[in-house]
PDB file of all heavy atoms in Angstrom:
ATOM      1  N   GLY A   1     136.385 149.394 -71.534  1.00  0.00           N
ATOM      2  CA  GLY A   1     135.214 150.251 -71.424  1.00  0.00           C
ATOM      3  C   GLY A   1     134.226 150.127 -72.562  1.00  0.00           C
ATOM      4  O   GLY A   1     133.263 150.903 -72.640  1.00  0.00           O
ATOM      5  N   ALA A   2     134.423 149.182 -73.469  1.00  0.00           N
ATOM      6  CA  ALA A   2     133.500 149.000 -74.587  1.00  0.00           C
ATOM      7  C   ALA A   2     132.205 148.359 -74.124  1.00  0.00           C
ATOM      8  O   ALA A   2     132.165 147.644 -73.119  1.00  0.00           O
ATOM      9  CB  ALA A   2     134.152 148.140 -75.676  1.00  0.00           C
ATOM     10  N   GLU A   3     131.146 148.574 -74.890  1.00  0.00           N
ATOM     11  CA  GLU A   3     129.855 147.962 -74.601  1.00  0.00           C
ATOM     12  C   GLU A   3     129.793 146.570 -75.214  1.00  0.00           C
ATOM     13  O   GLU A   3     130.238 146.349 -76.341  1.00  0.00           O
ATOM     14  CB  GLU A   3     128.722 148.829 -75.154  1.00  0.00           C
ATOM     15  CG  GLU A   3     128.584 150.171 -74.451  1.00  0.00           C
ATOM     16  CD  GLU A   3     127.464 151.020 -75.012  1.00  0.00           C
ATOM     17  OE1 GLU A   3     126.887 150.631 -76.062  1.00  0.00           O
ATOM     18  OE2 GLU A   3     127.159 152.066 -74.417  1.00  0.00           O
ATOM     19  N   ILE A   4     129.218 145.639 -74.445  1.00  0.00           N
ATOM     20  CA  ILE A   4     129.002 144.267 -74.884  1.00  0.00           C
ATOM     21  C   ILE A   4     127.492 144.050 -74.945  1.00  0.00           C
ATOM     22  O   ILE A   4     126.770 144.445 -74.026  1.00  0.00           O
ATOM     23  CB  ILE A   4     129.640 143.267 -73.893  1.00  0.00           C
ATOM     24  CG1 ILE A   4     131.092 143.640 -73.612  1.00  0.00           C
ATOM     25  CG2 ILE A   4     129.527 141.846 -74.424  1.00  0.00           C
ATOM     26  CD1 ILE A   4     132.008 143.617 -74.804  1.00  0.00           C
ATOM     27  N   THR A   5     127.019 143.405 -75.996  1.00  0.00           N
ATOM     28  CA  THR A   5     125.580 143.274 -76.197  1.00  0.00           C
ATOM     29  C   THR A   5     125.165 141.815 -76.366  1.00  0.00           C
ATOM     30  O   THR A   5     125.858 141.041 -77.030  1.00  0.00           O
ATOM     31  CB  THR A   5     125.136 144.064 -77.454  1.00  0.00           C
ATOM     32  OG1 THR A   5     125.619 145.401 -77.364  1.00  0.00           O
ATOM     33  CG2 THR A   5     123.627 144.104 -77.559  1.00  0.00           C
ATOM     34  N   ASP A   6     124.050 141.465 -75.737  1.00  0.00           N
ATOM     35  CA  ASP A   6     123.363 140.181 -75.964  1.00  0.00           C
ATOM     36  C   ASP A   6     124.239 138.962 -75.668  1.00  0.00           C
ATOM     37  O   ASP A   6     124.120 137.926 -76.312  1.00  0.00           O
ATOM     38  CB  ASP A   6     122.855 140.103 -77.412  1.00  0.00           C
ATOM     39  CG  ASP A   6     121.781 141.150 -77.699  1.00  0.00           C
ATOM     40  OD1 ASP A   6     121.236 141.716 -76.735  1.00  0.00           O
ATOM     41  OD2 ASP A   6     121.504 141.409 -78.878  1.00  0.00           O
ATOM     42  N   LEU A   7     125.075 139.064 -74.645  1.00  0.00           N
ATOM     43  CA  LEU A   7     126.004 137.975 -74.355  1.00  0.00           C
ATOM     44  C   LEU A   7     125.298 136.736 -73.812  1.00  0.00           C
ATOM     45  O   LEU A   7     125.864 135.636 -73.827  1.00  0.00           O
ATOM     46  CB  LEU A   7     127.066 138.459 -73.355  1.00  0.00           C
ATOM     47  CG  LEU A   7     128.420 137.748 -73.387  1.00  0.00           C
ATOM     48  CD1 LEU A   7     129.061 137.858 -74.761  1.00  0.00           C
ATOM     49  CD2 LEU A   7     129.342 138.299 -72.322  1.00  0.00           C
ATOM     50  N   GLU A   8     124.057 136.892 -73.362  1.00  0.00           N
ATOM     51  CA  GLU A   8     123.324 135.742 -72.821  1.00  0.00           C
ATOM     52  C   GLU A   8     122.919 134.750 -73.907  1.00  0.00           C
ATOM     53  O   GLU A   8     122.583 133.598 -73.608  1.00  0.00           O
ATOM     54  CB  GLU A   8     122.075 136.206 -72.056  1.00  0.00           C
ATOM     55  CG  GLU A   8     120.991 136.847 -72.897  1.00  0.00           C
ATOM     56  CD  GLU A   8     121.157 138.352 -73.059  1.00  0.00           C
ATOM     57  OE1 GLU A   8     122.308 138.842 -73.051  1.00  0.00           O
ATOM     58  OE2 GLU A   8     120.128 139.037 -73.218  1.00  0.00           O
ATOM     59  N   PHE A   9     122.965 135.178 -75.174  1.00  0.00           N
ATOM     60  CA  PHE A   9     122.513 134.308 -76.258  1.00  0.00           C
ATOM     61  C   PHE A   9     123.687 133.481 -76.793  1.00  0.00           C
ATOM     62  O   PHE A   9     124.359 133.870 -77.749  1.00  0.00           O
ATOM     63  CB  PHE A   9     121.860 135.128 -77.365  1.00  0.00           C
ATOM     64  CG  PHE A   9     120.602 135.811 -76.915  1.00  0.00           C
ATOM     65  CD1 PHE A   9     120.536 137.196 -76.811  1.00  0.00           C
ATOM     66  CD2 PHE A   9     119.485 135.067 -76.573  1.00  0.00           C
ATOM     67  CE1 PHE A   9     119.379 137.818 -76.390  1.00  0.00           C
ATOM     68  CE2 PHE A   9     118.320 135.681 -76.141  1.00  0.00           C
ATOM     69  CZ  PHE A   9     118.265 137.065 -76.045  1.00  0.00           C
ATOM     70  N   VAL A  10     123.913 132.356 -76.154  1.00  0.00           N
ATOM     71  CA  VAL A  10     124.953 131.424 -76.561  1.00  0.00           C
ATOM     72  C   VAL A  10     124.276 130.227 -77.232  1.00  0.00           C
ATOM     73  O   VAL A  10     123.436 129.561 -76.631  1.00  0.00           O
ATOM     74  CB  VAL A  10     125.791 130.947 -75.363  1.00  0.00           C
ATOM     75  CG1 VAL A  10     126.843 129.931 -75.805  1.00  0.00           C
ATOM     76  CG2 VAL A  10     126.457 132.135 -74.675  1.00  0.00           C
ATOM     77  N   GLN A  11     124.652 129.983 -78.455  1.00  0.00           N
ATOM     78  CA  GLN A  11     124.021 128.901 -79.211  1.00  0.00           C
ATOM     79  C   GLN A  11     124.679 127.571 -78.880  1.00  0.00           C
ATOM     80  O   GLN A  11     125.901 127.443 -78.921  1.00  0.00           O
ATOM     81  CB  GLN A  11     124.151 129.185 -80.704  1.00  0.00           C
ATOM     82  CG  GLN A  11     123.381 128.233 -81.577  1.00  0.00           C
ATOM     83  CD  GLN A  11     123.492 128.607 -83.037  1.00  0.00           C
ATOM     84  OE1 GLN A  11     124.457 128.267 -83.699  1.00  0.00           O
ATOM     85  NE2 GLN A  11     122.501 129.341 -83.529  1.00  0.00           N
ATOM     86  N   PHE A  12     123.846 126.612 -78.528  1.00  0.00           N
ATOM     87  CA  PHE A  12     124.306 125.248 -78.297  1.00  0.00           C
ATOM     88  C   PHE A  12     123.933 124.423 -79.525  1.00  0.00           C
ATOM     89  O   PHE A  12     122.750 124.311 -79.865  1.00  0.00           O
ATOM     90  CB  PHE A  12     123.681 124.670 -77.029  1.00  0.00           C
ATOM     91  CG  PHE A  12     124.327 125.189 -75.775  1.00  0.00           C
ATOM     92  CD1 PHE A  12     124.111 126.493 -75.358  1.00  0.00           C
ATOM     93  CD2 PHE A  12     125.174 124.387 -75.033  1.00  0.00           C
ATOM     94  CE1 PHE A  12     124.715 126.987 -74.220  1.00  0.00           C
ATOM     95  CE2 PHE A  12     125.788 124.872 -73.881  1.00  0.00           C
ATOM     96  CZ  PHE A  12     125.569 126.172 -73.474  1.00  0.00           C
ATOM     97  N   HIS A  13     124.941 123.884 -80.201  1.00  0.00           N
ATOM     98  CA  HIS A  13     124.671 123.093 -81.395  1.00  0.00           C
ATOM     99  C   HIS A  13     123.997 121.798 -80.965  1.00  0.00           C
ATOM    100  O   HIS A  13     124.462 121.117 -80.042  1.00  0.00           O
ATOM    101  CB  HIS A  13     125.972 122.786 -82.142  1.00  0.00           C
ATOM    102  CG  HIS A  13     125.746 122.366 -83.559  1.00  0.00           C
ATOM    103  ND1 HIS A  13     125.194 121.148 -83.895  1.00  0.00           N
ATOM    104  CD2 HIS A  13     125.974 123.014 -84.727  1.00  0.00           C
ATOM    105  CE1 HIS A  13     125.093 121.069 -85.209  1.00  0.00           C
ATOM    106  NE2 HIS A  13     125.574 122.177 -85.741  1.00  0.00           N
ATOM    107  N   PRO A  14     122.901 121.406 -81.619  1.00  0.00           N
ATOM    108  CA  PRO A  14     122.138 120.256 -81.135  1.00  0.00           C
ATOM    109  C   PRO A  14     122.780 118.904 -81.429  1.00  0.00           C
ATOM    110  O   PRO A  14     122.403 117.905 -80.798  1.00  0.00           O
ATOM    111  CB  PRO A  14     120.801 120.386 -81.868  1.00  0.00           C
ATOM    112  CG  PRO A  14     121.106 121.195 -83.089  1.00  0.00           C
ATOM    113  CD  PRO A  14     122.207 122.129 -82.700  1.00  0.00           C
ATOM    114  N   THR A  15     123.718 118.841 -82.363  1.00  0.00           N
ATOM    115  CA  THR A  15     124.265 117.531 -82.729  1.00  0.00           C
ATOM    116  C   THR A  15     125.783 117.537 -82.632  1.00  0.00           C
ATOM    117  O   THR A  15     126.488 117.748 -83.619  1.00  0.00           O
ATOM    118  CB  THR A  15     123.816 117.106 -84.142  1.00  0.00           C
ATOM    119  OG1 THR A  15     124.158 118.137 -85.080  1.00  0.00           O
ATOM    120  CG2 THR A  15     122.319 116.856 -84.177  1.00  0.00           C
ATOM    121  N   VAL A  16     126.266 117.313 -81.423  1.00  0.00           N
ATOM    122  CA  VAL A  16     127.693 117.157 -81.165  1.00  0.00           C
ATOM    123  C   VAL A  16     127.914 115.707 -80.734  1.00  0.00           C
ATOM    124  O   VAL A  16     127.132 115.151 -79.963  1.00  0.00           O
ATOM    125  CB  VAL A  16     128.157 118.132 -80.069  1.00  0.00           C
ATOM    126  CG1 VAL A  16     129.611 117.898 -79.679  1.00  0.00           C
ATOM    127  CG2 VAL A  16     127.959 119.574 -80.556  1.00  0.00           C
ATOM    128  N   LEU A  17     128.941 115.097 -81.253  1.00  0.00           N
ATOM    129  CA  LEU A  17     129.192 113.685 -80.991  1.00  0.00           C
ATOM    130  C   LEU A  17     129.349 113.434 -79.496  1.00  0.00           C
ATOM    131  O   LEU A  17     130.173 114.065 -78.833  1.00  0.00           O
ATOM    132  CB  LEU A  17     130.447 113.232 -81.738  1.00  0.00           C
ATOM    133  CG  LEU A  17     130.746 111.730 -81.759  1.00  0.00           C
ATOM    134  CD1 LEU A  17     129.634 110.979 -82.479  1.00  0.00           C
ATOM    135  CD2 LEU A  17     132.093 111.472 -82.431  1.00  0.00           C
ATOM    136  N   TRP A  18     128.528 112.529 -78.947  1.00  0.00           N
ATOM    137  CA  TRP A  18     128.587 112.202 -77.523  1.00  0.00           C
ATOM    138  C   TRP A  18     129.690 111.176 -77.294  1.00  0.00           C
ATOM    139  O   TRP A  18     129.677 110.083 -77.858  1.00  0.00           O
ATOM    140  CB  TRP A  18     127.248 111.645 -77.045  1.00  0.00           C
ATOM    141  CG  TRP A  18     127.201 111.351 -75.575  1.00  0.00           C
ATOM    142  CD1 TRP A  18     127.069 112.259 -74.565  1.00  0.00           C
ATOM    143  CD2 TRP A  18     127.273 110.077 -74.942  1.00  0.00           C
ATOM    144  NE1 TRP A  18     127.055 111.632 -73.341  1.00  0.00           N
ATOM    145  CE2 TRP A  18     127.184 110.285 -73.542  1.00  0.00           C
ATOM    146  CE3 TRP A  18     127.407 108.773 -75.427  1.00  0.00           C
ATOM    147  CZ2 TRP A  18     127.225 109.242 -72.632  1.00  0.00           C
ATOM    148  CZ3 TRP A  18     127.448 107.726 -74.515  1.00  0.00           C
ATOM    149  CH2 TRP A  18     127.355 107.974 -73.128  1.00  0.00           C
ATOM    150  N   LEU A  19     130.648 111.544 -76.454  1.00  0.00           N
ATOM    151  CA  LEU A  19     131.801 110.673 -76.193  1.00  0.00           C
ATOM    152  C   LEU A  19     131.780 110.068 -74.799  1.00  0.00           C
ATOM    153  O   LEU A  19     132.705 109.358 -74.424  1.00  0.00           O
ATOM    154  CB  LEU A  19     133.098 111.466 -76.385  1.00  0.00           C
ATOM    155  CG  LEU A  19     133.319 112.080 -77.772  1.00  0.00           C
ATOM    156  CD1 LEU A  19     134.617 112.868 -77.797  1.00  0.00           C
ATOM    157  CD2 LEU A  19     133.317 111.007 -78.853  1.00  0.00           C
ATOM    158  N   GLY A  20     130.751 110.392 -74.032  1.00  0.00           N
ATOM    159  CA  GLY A  20     130.688 109.908 -72.663  1.00  0.00           C
ATOM    160  C   GLY A  20     130.752 111.066 -71.678  1.00  0.00           C
ATOM    161  O   GLY A  20     131.232 112.151 -71.996  1.00  0.00           O
ATOM    162  N   ASP A  21     130.264 110.837 -70.488  1.00  0.00           N
ATOM    163  CA  ASP A  21     130.165 111.904 -69.493  1.00  0.00           C
ATOM    164  C   ASP A  21     131.513 112.407 -69.005  1.00  0.00           C
ATOM    165  O   ASP A  21     131.608 113.502 -68.446  1.00  0.00           O
ATOM    166  CB  ASP A  21     129.358 111.407 -68.280  1.00  0.00           C
ATOM    167  CG  ASP A  21     127.890 111.169 -68.634  1.00  0.00           C
ATOM    168  OD1 ASP A  21     127.393 111.857 -69.548  1.00  0.00           O
ATOM    169  OD2 ASP A  21     127.267 110.293 -68.010  1.00  0.00           O
ATOM    170  N   LEU A  22     132.558 111.642 -69.196  1.00  0.00           N
ATOM    171  CA  LEU A  22     133.866 112.038 -68.667  1.00  0.00           C
ATOM    172  C   LEU A  22     134.652 112.927 -69.620  1.00  0.00           C
ATOM    173  O   LEU A  22     135.697 113.453 -69.255  1.00  0.00           O
ATOM    174  CB  LEU A  22     134.694 110.782 -68.330  1.00  0.00           C
ATOM    175  CG  LEU A  22     134.104 109.861 -67.267  1.00  0.00           C
ATOM    176  CD1 LEU A  22     135.023 108.668 -67.043  1.00  0.00           C
ATOM    177  CD2 LEU A  22     133.879 110.609 -65.956  1.00  0.00           C
ATOM    178  N   TYR A  23     134.161 113.098 -70.829  1.00  0.00           N
ATOM    179  CA  TYR A  23     134.897 113.880 -71.813  1.00  0.00           C
ATOM    180  C   TYR A  23     134.517 115.357 -71.702  1.00  0.00           C
ATOM    181  O   TYR A  23     133.347 115.703 -71.530  1.00  0.00           O
ATOM    182  CB  TYR A  23     134.617 113.387 -73.227  1.00  0.00           C
ATOM    183  CG  TYR A  23     135.338 112.103 -73.570  1.00  0.00           C
ATOM    184  CD1 TYR A  23     134.799 110.864 -73.218  1.00  0.00           C
ATOM    185  CD2 TYR A  23     136.559 112.129 -74.233  1.00  0.00           C
ATOM    186  CE1 TYR A  23     135.460 109.683 -73.529  1.00  0.00           C
ATOM    187  CE2 TYR A  23     137.224 110.955 -74.543  1.00  0.00           C
ATOM    188  CZ  TYR A  23     136.671 109.738 -74.190  1.00  0.00           C
ATOM    189  OH  TYR A  23     137.332 108.574 -74.495  1.00  0.00           O
ATOM    190  N   GLY A  24     135.507 116.227 -71.830  1.00  0.00           N
ATOM    191  CA  GLY A  24     135.275 117.665 -71.815  1.00  0.00           C
ATOM    192  C   GLY A  24     136.142 118.334 -72.854  1.00  0.00           C
ATOM    193  O   GLY A  24     136.824 117.688 -73.642  1.00  0.00           O
ATOM    194  N   GLY A  25     136.123 119.691 -72.849  1.00  0.00           N
ATOM    195  CA  GLY A  25     136.907 120.438 -73.817  1.00  0.00           C
ATOM    196  C   GLY A  25     136.247 120.434 -75.176  1.00  0.00           C
ATOM    197  O   GLY A  25     135.024 120.354 -75.306  1.00  0.00           O
ATOM    198  N   GLN A  26     137.057 120.515 -76.239  1.00  0.00           N
ATOM    199  CA  GLN A  26     136.507 120.562 -77.583  1.00  0.00           C
ATOM    200  C   GLN A  26     135.948 119.210 -77.986  1.00  0.00           C
ATOM    201  O   GLN A  26     136.608 118.187 -77.877  1.00  0.00           O
ATOM    202  CB  GLN A  26     137.581 120.992 -78.585  1.00  0.00           C
ATOM    203  CG  GLN A  26     137.023 121.199 -79.988  1.00  0.00           C
ATOM    204  CD  GLN A  26     138.067 121.658 -80.984  1.00  0.00           C
ATOM    205  OE1 GLN A  26     139.252 121.717 -80.665  1.00  0.00           O
ATOM    206  NE2 GLN A  26     137.639 121.984 -82.192  1.00  0.00           N
ATOM    207  N   GLN A  27     134.693 119.222 -78.465  1.00  0.00           N
ATOM    208  CA  GLN A  27     134.003 118.004 -78.858  1.00  0.00           C
ATOM    209  C   GLN A  27     133.775 117.988 -80.376  1.00  0.00           C
ATOM    210  O   GLN A  27     133.609 119.051 -80.991  1.00  0.00           O
ATOM    211  CB  GLN A  27     132.647 117.916 -78.152  1.00  0.00           C
ATOM    212  CG  GLN A  27     132.728 118.053 -76.649  1.00  0.00           C
ATOM    213  CD  GLN A  27     133.369 116.848 -75.991  1.00  0.00           C
ATOM    214  OE1 GLN A  27     132.849 115.750 -76.038  1.00  0.00           O
ATOM    215  NE2 GLN A  27     134.516 117.059 -75.384  1.00  0.00           N
ATOM    216  N   PRO A  28     133.726 116.812 -81.004  1.00  0.00           N
ATOM    217  CA  PRO A  28     133.529 116.745 -82.459  1.00  0.00           C
ATOM    218  C   PRO A  28     132.115 117.160 -82.861  1.00  0.00           C
ATOM    219  O   PRO A  28     131.129 116.688 -82.301  1.00  0.00           O
ATOM    220  CB  PRO A  28     133.776 115.266 -82.786  1.00  0.00           C
ATOM    221  CG  PRO A  28     134.485 114.698 -81.592  1.00  0.00           C
ATOM    222  CD  PRO A  28     133.993 115.483 -80.419  1.00  0.00           C
ATOM    223  N   LEU A  29     132.035 118.035 -83.836  1.00  0.00           N
ATOM    224  CA  LEU A  29     130.755 118.511 -84.345  1.00  0.00           C
ATOM    225  C   LEU A  29     130.239 117.578 -85.435  1.00  0.00           C
ATOM    226  O   LEU A  29     131.012 117.069 -86.248  1.00  0.00           O
ATOM    227  CB  LEU A  29     130.935 119.923 -84.923  1.00  0.00           C
ATOM    228  CG  LEU A  29     129.724 120.581 -85.585  1.00  0.00           C
ATOM    229  CD1 LEU A  29     128.647 120.864 -84.549  1.00  0.00           C
ATOM    230  CD2 LEU A  29     130.152 121.874 -86.276  1.00  0.00           C
ATOM    231  N   VAL A  30     128.937 117.345 -85.429  1.00  0.00           N
ATOM    232  CA  VAL A  30     128.272 116.653 -86.534  1.00  0.00           C
ATOM    233  C   VAL A  30     127.385 117.687 -87.213  1.00  0.00           C
ATOM    234  O   VAL A  30     126.321 118.038 -86.719  1.00  0.00           O
ATOM    235  CB  VAL A  30     127.447 115.446 -86.045  1.00  0.00           C
ATOM    236  CG1 VAL A  30     126.804 114.732 -87.239  1.00  0.00           C
ATOM    237  CG2 VAL A  30     128.323 114.478 -85.261  1.00  0.00           C
ATOM    238  N   SER A  31     127.847 118.185 -88.321  1.00  0.00           N
ATOM    239  CA  SER A  31     127.250 119.359 -88.966  1.00  0.00           C
ATOM    240  C   SER A  31     125.749 119.222 -89.195  1.00  0.00           C
ATOM    241  O   SER A  31     125.224 118.141 -89.469  1.00  0.00           O
ATOM    242  CB  SER A  31     127.936 119.607 -90.309  1.00  0.00           C
ATOM    243  OG  SER A  31     127.252 120.587 -91.058  1.00  0.00           O
TER     244      SER A  31
END
């Protein structure tokens, strides 16, 4: 019953290592 706020604001990091279209799950971050 708790209130949740601003859940639509999900940040997508702009520089994540591209491994190909078939890869999913946790991806390597390039800080």
